[in-house]
Amino acid sequence: MKIATLDNPGWTVGIDLTETDLEEHDYPHQEINRTAQDWVRAWTAEKTFRAACGPGNLAEALALFRTWATTIAP
């Protein structure tokens, strides 16, 4: 798992799905835009869950992953 900062400001999240029950599943691209500082984007690419979000939305981005993972995984 990798969490990094954006310069606009905000966060990026990358969670490697390789060799997990989720690696063959896609997270449908989701984009939530409330304001310039309050936004979340989430998707999967190359067996990785990816998210980018505003400075106060890191918990929301991680919650999107948790909800998806617990719904998909047996």
Protein backbone atom coordinates (compact mmCIF):
# COMPACT_ATOMS: atom_id res chain seq x y z
CA MET A 1 0.00 0.00 0.00
CA LYS A 2 1.31 3.43 -0.92
CA ILE A 3 -0.09 6.78 0.20
CA ALA A 4 1.46 9.97 -1.12
CA THR A 5 0.62 13.65 -1.22
CA LEU A 6 -0.47 15.69 -4.21
CA ASP A 7 0.71 19.24 -4.78
CA ASN A 8 -2.77 20.69 -5.35
CA PRO A 9 -3.13 19.62 -2.27
CA GLY A 10 -4.51 16.16 -1.78
CA TRP A 11 -3.64 12.47 -1.56
CA THR A 12 -3.02 9.50 -3.82
CA VAL A 13 -3.52 5.89 -2.77
CA GLY A 14 -2.27 2.73 -4.46
CA ILE A 15 -3.10 -0.74 -3.14
CA ASP A 16 -1.53 -3.67 -4.96
CA LEU A 17 -4.10 -6.39 -5.57
CA THR A 18 -1.68 -8.99 -6.97
CA GLU A 19 -2.15 -12.44 -5.42
CA THR A 20 -5.30 -11.38 -3.57
CA ASP A 21 -8.93 -12.34 -4.09
CA LEU A 22 -9.41 -8.92 -5.69
CA GLU A 23 -6.78 -9.07 -8.42
CA GLU A 24 -9.19 -10.14 -11.17
CA HIS A 25 -11.92 -7.65 -10.20
CA ASP A 26 -12.33 -4.11 -11.45
CA TYR A 27 -13.47 -1.21 -9.34
CA PRO A 28 -15.72 0.87 -11.59
CA HIS A 29 -14.26 4.34 -12.10
CA GLN A 30 -15.90 6.64 -9.60
CA GLU A 31 -15.59 10.40 -9.45
CA ILE A 32 -17.11 12.54 -6.70
CA ASN A 33 -16.64 16.30 -7.08
CA ARG A 34 -18.10 18.48 -4.37
CA THR A 35 -15.70 21.45 -4.30
CA ALA A 36 -12.11 22.21 -5.33
CA GLN A 37 -10.93 20.82 -1.97
CA ASP A 38 -13.59 18.11 -1.46
CA TRP A 39 -13.33 15.40 -4.11
CA VAL A 40 -12.50 11.70 -4.59
CA ARG A 41 -11.65 9.61 -7.64
CA ALA A 42 -11.21 5.83 -7.44
CA TRP A 43 -10.53 3.10 -10.02
CA THR A 44 -8.47 -0.03 -10.66
CA ALA A 45 -5.66 -0.29 -13.16
CA GLU A 46 -2.95 -2.91 -13.63
CA LYS A 47 -4.13 -4.98 -10.64
CA THR A 48 -3.98 -1.95 -8.36
CA PHE A 49 -6.75 -0.05 -6.61
CA ARG A 50 -6.03 3.62 -7.12
CA ALA A 51 -7.56 6.70 -5.57
CA ALA A 52 -6.85 10.41 -5.61
CA CYS A 53 -8.64 12.84 -3.35
CA GLY A 54 -8.76 16.23 -1.75
CA PRO A 55 -6.84 17.02 1.45
CA GLY A 56 -9.72 16.09 3.77
CA ASN A 57 -10.90 12.99 1.87
CA LEU A 58 -8.24 10.36 2.60
CA ALA A 59 -10.50 8.44 5.01
CA GLU A 60 -13.30 8.51 2.42
CA ALA A 61 -10.98 7.12 -0.29
CA LEU A 62 -9.84 4.31 2.01
CA ALA A 63 -13.45 3.59 2.97
CA LEU A 64 -14.33 3.17 -0.72
CA PHE A 65 -11.63 0.49 -0.95
CA ARG A 66 -12.74 -1.22 2.25
CA THR A 67 -16.39 -1.31 1.18
CA TRP A 68 -15.49 -2.69 -2.26
CA ALA A 69 -13.02 -5.24 -0.87
CA THR A 70 -15.43 -6.61 1.71
CA THR A 71 -18.18 -6.84 -0.88
CA ILE A 72 -16.04 -8.69 -3.46
CA ALA A 73 -13.84 -10.93 -1.31
CA PRO A 74 -15.33 -14.19 -0.04
